[in-house]
Amino acid sequence: MARQTSENPGRLQQIRTAYQMTKKVDTKIGLIIAGVGLAVFGVFLAIGFAIDHPIYLGILGFVVAVLAVAIVFGRRAERAAFGQMEGQPGAVAAVLGNIRRGWSANQTPVAVTRSQDAVYRAVGRPGIALIGEGNPNRVKPLLAAEKKKMSRVVGDIPVHDIMVGNGKDEIPLKKLQIHLMRLPRSITPAQVTETNDRLRALGDLLSKAPIPKGPMPKGARMPKGGQAR
């Protein structure tokens, strides 16, 4: 009993904190969730009076209204949180970490610059999504290079280039998850698994590639045959 009592205030505090943070970005959140709850409850109650079962439908309507409010609040709170992270390095990773079913995403970038521009990769029924984060002028070459590298192993699997941002032809961070979920499905679940395996093998191969020790002298060239004499 003591454990349950201590847990409940914690959950209520989490909900309160989430609401306060969301309200800073989404100022109409209170009116929206109240409207959703009253609308759902009102519909069920009206049906209850129409079929002469207002108490039964009223109780059911209350339960469904609470569920609807929770869903709407959760999604808007998530979008508000992503909106606050917009423009920060690693924001795309946070979105990919919360992506719903249908995508296999790696929160570690597959390419990155010293300025913390990054390219992330996700694989799903629509194919492969390469998601760029940072300065477009620096990210676009990364996207092109990653796409060329993958073309050796993925064949004709569709590849979607996505640039996160608020400029022309860019997807705002808070709409990234919705954008990914709305992409048309082009490959089968078996192809998704096969593509993931191929990309994982490609990553393992590149990570095991030999790296020269120490800096190369400026203007120096590797001798023919690959070994210095």
C-alpha atoms as a PDB file:
ATOM      1  CA  MET A   1       0.000   0.000   0.000  1.00  0.00           C
ATOM      2  CA  ALA A   2       2.808   2.392   0.894  1.00  0.00           C
ATOM      3  CA  ARG A   3       4.488   1.655  -2.439  1.00  0.00           C
ATOM      4  CA  GLN A   4       1.294   2.351  -4.398  1.00  0.00           C
ATOM      5  CA  THR A   5       0.756   5.588  -2.463  1.00  0.00           C
ATOM      6  CA  SER A   6       4.291   6.758  -3.225  1.00  0.00           C
ATOM      7  CA  GLU A   7       4.003   5.884  -6.921  1.00  0.00           C
ATOM      8  CA  ASN A   8       0.719   7.688  -7.586  1.00  0.00           C
ATOM      9  CA  PRO A   9       1.919  11.187  -6.583  1.00  0.00           C
ATOM     10  CA  GLY A  10       4.977  10.601  -8.785  1.00  0.00           C
ATOM     11  CA  ARG A  11       2.841   9.832 -11.812  1.00  0.00           C
ATOM     12  CA  LEU A  12       0.557  12.786 -11.156  1.00  0.00           C
ATOM     13  CA  GLN A  13       3.596  15.029 -10.856  1.00  0.00           C
ATOM     14  CA  GLN A  14       4.926  13.700 -14.180  1.00  0.00           C
ATOM     15  CA  ILE A  15       1.596  14.444 -15.866  1.00  0.00           C
ATOM     16  CA  ARG A  16       1.511  17.920 -14.339  1.00  0.00           C
ATOM     17  CA  THR A  17       5.079  18.634 -15.438  1.00  0.00           C
ATOM     18  CA  ALA A  18       4.381  17.360 -18.959  1.00  0.00           C
ATOM     19  CA  TYR A  19       1.267  19.552 -19.145  1.00  0.00           C
ATOM     20  CA  GLN A  20       3.131  22.660 -17.977  1.00  0.00           C
ATOM     21  CA  MET A  21       5.944  22.083 -20.478  1.00  0.00           C
ATOM     22  CA  THR A  22       3.479  21.465 -23.299  1.00  0.00           C
ATOM     23  CA  LYS A  23       1.447  24.555 -22.466  1.00  0.00           C
ATOM     24  CA  LYS A  24       4.513  26.752 -22.934  1.00  0.00           C
ATOM     25  CA  VAL A  25       4.613  25.702 -26.598  1.00  0.00           C
ATOM     26  CA  ASP A  26       0.992  24.713 -27.236  1.00  0.00           C
ATOM     27  CA  THR A  27      -0.977  27.388 -25.387  1.00  0.00           C
ATOM     28  CA  LYS A  28      -4.366  25.947 -26.387  1.00  0.00           C
ATOM     29  CA  ILE A  29      -3.665  22.443 -25.104  1.00  0.00           C
ATOM     30  CA  GLY A  30      -6.087  22.824 -22.171  1.00  0.00           C
ATOM     31  CA  LEU A  31      -9.007  23.893 -24.363  1.00  0.00           C
ATOM     32  CA  ILE A  32      -8.230  21.199 -26.933  1.00  0.00           C
ATOM     33  CA  ILE A  33      -8.149  18.238 -24.548  1.00  0.00           C
ATOM     34  CA  ALA A  34     -11.186  19.543 -22.651  1.00  0.00           C
ATOM     35  CA  GLY A  35     -13.068  19.885 -25.931  1.00  0.00           C
ATOM     36  CA  VAL A  36     -12.100  16.367 -27.008  1.00  0.00           C
ATOM     37  CA  GLY A  37     -13.196  14.884 -23.691  1.00  0.00           C
ATOM     38  CA  LEU A  38     -16.540  16.699 -23.586  1.00  0.00           C
ATOM     39  CA  ALA A  39     -17.280  15.932 -27.231  1.00  0.00           C
ATOM     40  CA  VAL A  40     -16.648  12.194 -26.848  1.00  0.00           C
ATOM     41  CA  PHE A  41     -18.584  12.000 -23.583  1.00  0.00           C
ATOM     42  CA  GLY A  42     -21.450  14.025 -25.061  1.00  0.00           C
ATOM     43  CA  VAL A  43     -21.775  11.739 -28.080  1.00  0.00           C
ATOM     44  CA  PHE A  44     -21.948   8.609 -25.947  1.00  0.00           C
ATOM     45  CA  LEU A  45     -24.390  10.217 -23.538  1.00  0.00           C
ATOM     46  CA  ALA A  46     -26.652  11.326 -26.401  1.00  0.00           C
ATOM     47  CA  ILE A  47     -26.628   7.792 -27.804  1.00  0.00           C
ATOM     48  CA  GLY A  48     -27.451   6.489 -24.313  1.00  0.00           C
ATOM     49  CA  PHE A  49     -30.546   8.693 -24.047  1.00  0.00           C
ATOM     50  CA  ALA A  50     -31.555   7.731 -27.579  1.00  0.00           C
ATOM     51  CA  ILE A  51     -31.507   4.011 -26.785  1.00  0.00           C
ATOM     52  CA  ASP A  52     -32.772   4.514 -23.204  1.00  0.00           C
ATOM     53  CA  HIS A  53     -29.478   3.463 -21.541  1.00  0.00           C
ATOM     54  CA  PRO A  54     -27.943   6.785 -20.440  1.00  0.00           C
ATOM     55  CA  ILE A  55     -26.157   5.415 -17.362  1.00  0.00           C
ATOM     56  CA  TYR A  56     -24.447   2.541 -19.181  1.00  0.00           C
ATOM     57  CA  LEU A  57     -23.438   4.692 -22.166  1.00  0.00           C
ATOM     58  CA  GLY A  58     -22.477   7.539 -19.835  1.00  0.00           C
ATOM     59  CA  ILE A  59     -19.997   5.333 -17.965  1.00  0.00           C
ATOM     60  CA  LEU A  60     -18.645   3.928 -21.233  1.00  0.00           C
ATOM     61  CA  GLY A  61     -18.452   7.422 -22.695  1.00  0.00           C
ATOM     62  CA  PHE A  62     -16.478   8.664 -19.683  1.00  0.00           C
ATOM     63  CA  VAL A  63     -13.924   5.851 -20.062  1.00  0.00           C
ATOM     64  CA  VAL A  64     -13.564   6.438 -23.806  1.00  0.00           C
ATOM     65  CA  ALA A  65     -13.311  10.207 -23.247  1.00  0.00           C
ATOM     66  CA  VAL A  66     -10.450   9.745 -20.778  1.00  0.00           C
ATOM     67  CA  LEU A  67      -8.686   7.478 -23.275  1.00  0.00           C
ATOM     68  CA  ALA A  68      -9.193   9.991 -26.099  1.00  0.00           C
ATOM     69  CA  VAL A  69      -7.858  12.823 -23.938  1.00  0.00           C
ATOM     70  CA  ALA A  70      -4.798  10.751 -23.022  1.00  0.00           C
ATOM     71  CA  ILE A  71      -4.055   9.965 -26.684  1.00  0.00           C
ATOM     72  CA  VAL A  72      -4.490  13.556 -27.871  1.00  0.00           C
ATOM     73  CA  PHE A  73      -2.486  14.970 -24.971  1.00  0.00           C
ATOM     74  CA  GLY A  74       0.306  12.425 -25.477  1.00  0.00           C
ATOM     75  CA  ARG A  75       0.698  13.229 -29.157  1.00  0.00           C
ATOM     76  CA  ARG A  76       0.593  16.988 -28.676  1.00  0.00           C
ATOM     77  CA  ALA A  77       3.025  16.778 -25.751  1.00  0.00           C
ATOM     78  CA  GLU A  78       5.383  14.747 -27.922  1.00  0.00           C
ATOM     79  CA  ARG A  79       5.186  17.284 -30.740  1.00  0.00           C
ATOM     80  CA  ALA A  80       5.752  20.135 -28.287  1.00  0.00           C
ATOM     81  CA  ALA A  81       8.829  18.396 -26.880  1.00  0.00           C
ATOM     82  CA  PHE A  82      10.227  17.851 -30.380  1.00  0.00           C
ATOM     83  CA  GLY A  83       9.498  21.484 -31.184  1.00  0.00           C
ATOM     84  CA  GLN A  84      11.608  22.595 -28.223  1.00  0.00           C
ATOM     85  CA  MET A  85      14.474  20.362 -29.383  1.00  0.00           C
ATOM     86  CA  GLU A  86      14.353  21.675 -32.941  1.00  0.00           C
ATOM     87  CA  GLY A  87      17.722  22.905 -34.153  1.00  0.00           C
ATOM     88  CA  GLN A  88      19.685  21.084 -31.466  1.00  0.00           C
ATOM     89  CA  PRO A  89      22.189  18.343 -32.404  1.00  0.00           C
ATOM     90  CA  GLY A  90      20.722  14.894 -31.814  1.00  0.00           C
ATOM     91  CA  ALA A  91      17.086  16.011 -32.099  1.00  0.00           C
ATOM     92  CA  VAL A  92      16.456  13.578 -34.963  1.00  0.00           C
ATOM     93  CA  ALA A  93      17.775  10.738 -32.797  1.00  0.00           C
ATOM     94  CA  ALA A  94      15.121  11.565 -30.194  1.00  0.00           C
ATOM     95  CA  VAL A  95      12.380  11.353 -32.827  1.00  0.00           C
ATOM     96  CA  LEU A  96      13.685   8.055 -34.196  1.00  0.00           C
ATOM     97  CA  GLY A  97      13.854   6.675 -30.663  1.00  0.00           C
ATOM     98  CA  ASN A  98      10.111   7.266 -30.288  1.00  0.00           C
ATOM     99  CA  ILE A  99       9.012   6.237 -33.758  1.00  0.00           C
ATOM    100  CA  ARG A 100       6.026   3.937 -33.918  1.00  0.00           C
ATOM    101  CA  ARG A 101       5.868   0.471 -35.439  1.00  0.00           C
ATOM    102  CA  GLY A 102       6.920  -0.123 -39.008  1.00  0.00           C
ATOM    103  CA  TRP A 103      10.420   1.353 -38.921  1.00  0.00           C
ATOM    104  CA  SER A 104      13.777   0.082 -37.764  1.00  0.00           C
ATOM    105  CA  ALA A 105      15.869   3.125 -36.920  1.00  0.00           C
ATOM    106  CA  ASN A 106      19.338   3.624 -35.529  1.00  0.00           C
ATOM    107  CA  GLN A 107      19.739   6.553 -33.133  1.00  0.00           C
ATOM    108  CA  THR A 108      23.454   6.693 -33.957  1.00  0.00           C
ATOM    109  CA  PRO A 109      24.183   8.767 -37.086  1.00  0.00           C
ATOM    110  CA  VAL A 110      25.696   6.960 -40.061  1.00  0.00           C
ATOM    111  CA  ALA A 111      27.621  10.104 -41.065  1.00  0.00           C
ATOM    112  CA  VAL A 112      28.620  13.210 -39.125  1.00  0.00           C
ATOM    113  CA  THR A 113      30.725  16.353 -39.537  1.00  0.00           C
ATOM    114  CA  ARG A 114      32.885  18.226 -37.041  1.00  0.00           C
ATOM    115  CA  SER A 115      30.115  20.845 -36.859  1.00  0.00           C
ATOM    116  CA  GLN A 116      27.726  18.122 -35.593  1.00  0.00           C
ATOM    117  CA  ASP A 117      25.742  17.942 -38.834  1.00  0.00           C
ATOM    118  CA  ALA A 118      24.526  14.371 -39.145  1.00  0.00           C
ATOM    119  CA  VAL A 119      22.749  11.837 -41.315  1.00  0.00           C
ATOM    120  CA  TYR A 120      20.540   9.175 -39.738  1.00  0.00           C
ATOM    121  CA  ARG A 121      19.110   6.066 -41.365  1.00  0.00           C
ATOM    122  CA  ALA A 122      15.833   4.211 -40.921  1.00  0.00           C
ATOM    123  CA  VAL A 123      14.491   1.178 -42.769  1.00  0.00           C
ATOM    124  CA  GLY A 124      10.819   0.328 -43.157  1.00  0.00           C
ATOM    125  CA  ARG A 125       8.153  -0.751 -45.627  1.00  0.00           C
ATOM    126  CA  PRO A 126       8.616   2.472 -47.659  1.00  0.00           C
ATOM    127  CA  GLY A 127      12.298   1.595 -48.123  1.00  0.00           C
ATOM    128  CA  ILE A 128      15.288   3.447 -46.684  1.00  0.00           C
ATOM    129  CA  ALA A 129      15.028   6.931 -45.212  1.00  0.00           C
ATOM    130  CA  LEU A 130      18.183   9.020 -44.977  1.00  0.00           C
ATOM    131  CA  ILE A 131      17.496  11.933 -42.639  1.00  0.00           C
ATOM    132  CA  GLY A 132      19.775  14.946 -42.580  1.00  0.00           C
ATOM    133  CA  GLU A 133      20.174  17.255 -39.577  1.00  0.00           C
ATOM    134  CA  GLY A 134      22.155  20.503 -39.530  1.00  0.00           C
ATOM    135  CA  ASN A 135      23.367  22.929 -42.179  1.00  0.00           C
ATOM    136  CA  PRO A 136      21.898  21.893 -45.563  1.00  0.00           C
ATOM    137  CA  ASN A 137      25.044  22.943 -47.429  1.00  0.00           C
ATOM    138  CA  ARG A 138      27.094  20.505 -45.358  1.00  0.00           C
ATOM    139  CA  VAL A 139      24.472  17.788 -44.987  1.00  0.00           C
ATOM    140  CA  LYS A 140      23.501  17.362 -48.653  1.00  0.00           C
ATOM    141  CA  PRO A 141      26.969  16.074 -49.657  1.00  0.00           C
ATOM    142  CA  LEU A 142      26.765  13.635 -46.733  1.00  0.00           C
ATOM    143  CA  LEU A 143      23.373  12.405 -47.946  1.00  0.00           C
ATOM    144  CA  ALA A 144      24.698  11.944 -51.491  1.00  0.00           C
ATOM    145  CA  ALA A 145      27.781  10.075 -50.269  1.00  0.00           C
ATOM    146  CA  GLU A 146      25.752   7.782 -48.008  1.00  0.00           C
ATOM    147  CA  LYS A 147      23.264   7.071 -50.786  1.00  0.00           C
ATOM    148  CA  LYS A 148      26.095   6.159 -53.176  1.00  0.00           C
ATOM    149  CA  LYS A 149      27.712   3.902 -50.580  1.00  0.00           C
ATOM    150  CA  MET A 150      24.440   2.064 -49.906  1.00  0.00           C
ATOM    151  CA  SER A 151      23.637   1.583 -53.592  1.00  0.00           C
ATOM    152  CA  ARG A 152      26.279  -1.161 -53.727  1.00  0.00           C
ATOM    153  CA  VAL A 153      24.346  -3.399 -51.363  1.00  0.00           C
ATOM    154  CA  VAL A 154      20.638  -2.417 -51.400  1.00  0.00           C
ATOM    155  CA  GLY A 155      19.967  -2.693 -55.125  1.00  0.00           C
ATOM    156  CA  ASP A 156      16.658  -1.157 -56.209  1.00  0.00           C
ATOM    157  CA  ILE A 157      15.283  -0.549 -52.699  1.00  0.00           C
ATOM    158  CA  PRO A 158      13.733   2.978 -52.656  1.00  0.00           C
ATOM    159  CA  VAL A 159      15.764   5.606 -50.809  1.00  0.00           C
ATOM    160  CA  HIS A 160      14.081   8.742 -49.454  1.00  0.00           C
ATOM    161  CA  ASP A 161      16.243  11.809 -48.790  1.00  0.00           C
ATOM    162  CA  ILE A 162      14.800  13.899 -45.948  1.00  0.00           C
ATOM    163  CA  MET A 163      16.224  17.187 -44.729  1.00  0.00           C
ATOM    164  CA  VAL A 164      14.972  18.316 -41.315  1.00  0.00           C
ATOM    165  CA  GLY A 165      14.394  22.034 -40.934  1.00  0.00           C
ATOM    166  CA  ASN A 166      11.984  24.876 -41.632  1.00  0.00           C
ATOM    167  CA  GLY A 167      13.237  25.901 -45.051  1.00  0.00           C
ATOM    168  CA  LYS A 168      11.964  25.065 -48.528  1.00  0.00           C
ATOM    169  CA  ASP A 169      11.616  21.316 -49.192  1.00  0.00           C
ATOM    170  CA  GLU A 170      12.502  20.606 -45.549  1.00  0.00           C
ATOM    171  CA  ILE A 171      10.467  18.728 -42.930  1.00  0.00           C
ATOM    172  CA  PRO A 172      10.001  20.337 -39.494  1.00  0.00           C
ATOM    173  CA  LEU A 173      11.263  18.134 -36.682  1.00  0.00           C
ATOM    174  CA  LYS A 174       7.824  17.889 -35.043  1.00  0.00           C
ATOM    175  CA  LYS A 175       6.372  16.546 -38.316  1.00  0.00           C
ATOM    176  CA  LEU A 176       9.189  14.086 -39.083  1.00  0.00           C
ATOM    177  CA  GLN A 177       7.506  11.058 -37.519  1.00  0.00           C
ATOM    178  CA  ILE A 178       4.217  11.749 -39.329  1.00  0.00           C
ATOM    179  CA  HIS A 179       6.106  12.225 -42.607  1.00  0.00           C
ATOM    180  CA  LEU A 180       7.841   8.863 -42.223  1.00  0.00           C
ATOM    181  CA  MET A 181       4.599   7.075 -41.359  1.00  0.00           C
ATOM    182  CA  ARG A 182       2.862   8.516 -44.445  1.00  0.00           C
ATOM    183  CA  LEU A 183       5.491   7.434 -46.965  1.00  0.00           C
ATOM    184  CA  PRO A 184       4.037   4.859 -49.402  1.00  0.00           C
ATOM    185  CA  ARG A 185       4.877   1.234 -48.704  1.00  0.00           C
ATOM    186  CA  SER A 186       7.069  -0.170 -51.442  1.00  0.00           C
ATOM    187  CA  ILE A 187       8.776  -3.302 -50.091  1.00  0.00           C
ATOM    188  CA  THR A 188       7.773  -6.430 -48.199  1.00  0.00           C
ATOM    189  CA  PRO A 189       8.611  -7.228 -44.550  1.00  0.00           C
ATOM    190  CA  ALA A 190      11.073  -9.844 -45.806  1.00  0.00           C
ATOM    191  CA  GLN A 191      12.851  -7.191 -47.878  1.00  0.00           C
ATOM    192  CA  VAL A 192      12.982  -4.912 -44.830  1.00  0.00           C
ATOM    193  CA  THR A 193      14.771  -7.631 -42.864  1.00  0.00           C
ATOM    194  CA  GLU A 194      17.131  -8.414 -45.749  1.00  0.00           C
ATOM    195  CA  THR A 195      17.952  -4.731 -46.260  1.00  0.00           C
ATOM    196  CA  ASN A 196      18.670  -4.261 -42.554  1.00  0.00           C
ATOM    197  CA  ASP A 197      20.996  -7.266 -42.604  1.00  0.00           C
ATOM    198  CA  ARG A 198      22.852  -5.959 -45.656  1.00  0.00           C
ATOM    199  CA  LEU A 199      23.289  -2.481 -44.194  1.00  0.00           C
ATOM    200  CA  ARG A 200      24.427  -3.941 -40.889  1.00  0.00           C
ATOM    201  CA  ALA A 201      26.987  -6.058 -42.724  1.00  0.00           C
ATOM    202  CA  LEU A 202      28.146  -2.985 -44.654  1.00  0.00           C
ATOM    203  CA  GLY A 203      28.610  -1.069 -41.412  1.00  0.00           C
ATOM    204  CA  ASP A 204      30.571  -3.934 -39.867  1.00  0.00           C
ATOM    205  CA  LEU A 205      32.780  -4.147 -42.955  1.00  0.00           C
ATOM    206  CA  LEU A 206      33.554  -0.425 -42.907  1.00  0.00           C
ATOM    207  CA  SER A 207      34.226  -0.422 -39.161  1.00  0.00           C
ATOM    208  CA  LYS A 208      36.792  -3.188 -39.601  1.00  0.00           C
ATOM    209  CA  ALA A 209      38.569  -1.496 -42.489  1.00  0.00           C
ATOM    210  CA  PRO A 210      42.270  -0.824 -41.709  1.00  0.00           C
ATOM    211  CA  ILE A 211      43.031   2.785 -40.727  1.00  0.00           C
ATOM    212  CA  PRO A 212      46.525   4.193 -41.263  1.00  0.00           C
ATOM    213  CA  LYS A 213      48.273   5.005 -37.991  1.00  0.00           C
ATOM    214  CA  GLY A 214      49.419   8.588 -37.516  1.00  0.00           C
ATOM    215  CA  PRO A 215      48.844  11.603 -39.753  1.00  0.00           C
ATOM    216  CA  MET A 216      49.926  11.506 -43.376  1.00  0.00           C
ATOM    217  CA  PRO A 217      52.595  14.124 -44.187  1.00  0.00           C
ATOM    218  CA  LYS A 218      51.242  16.932 -46.313  1.00  0.00           C
ATOM    219  CA  GLY A 219      51.769  16.165 -49.990  1.00  0.00           C
ATOM    220  CA  ALA A 220      52.829  12.578 -49.298  1.00  0.00           C
ATOM    221  CA  ARG A 221      51.624   9.780 -51.572  1.00  0.00           C
ATOM    222  CA  MET A 222      51.156   6.119 -50.905  1.00  0.00           C
ATOM    223  CA  PRO A 223      53.676   4.063 -52.900  1.00  0.00           C
ATOM    224  CA  LYS A 224      52.303   1.707 -55.516  1.00  0.00           C
ATOM    225  CA  GLY A 225      51.506  -1.705 -54.190  1.00  0.00           C
ATOM    226  CA  GLY A 226      50.018  -0.307 -50.930  1.00  0.00           C
ATOM    227  CA  GLN A 227      53.107  -0.844 -48.726  1.00  0.00           C
ATOM    228  CA  ALA A 228      55.967   1.517 -47.968  1.00  0.00           C
ATOM    229  CA  ARG A 229      59.436   0.208 -48.623  1.00  0.00           C
END
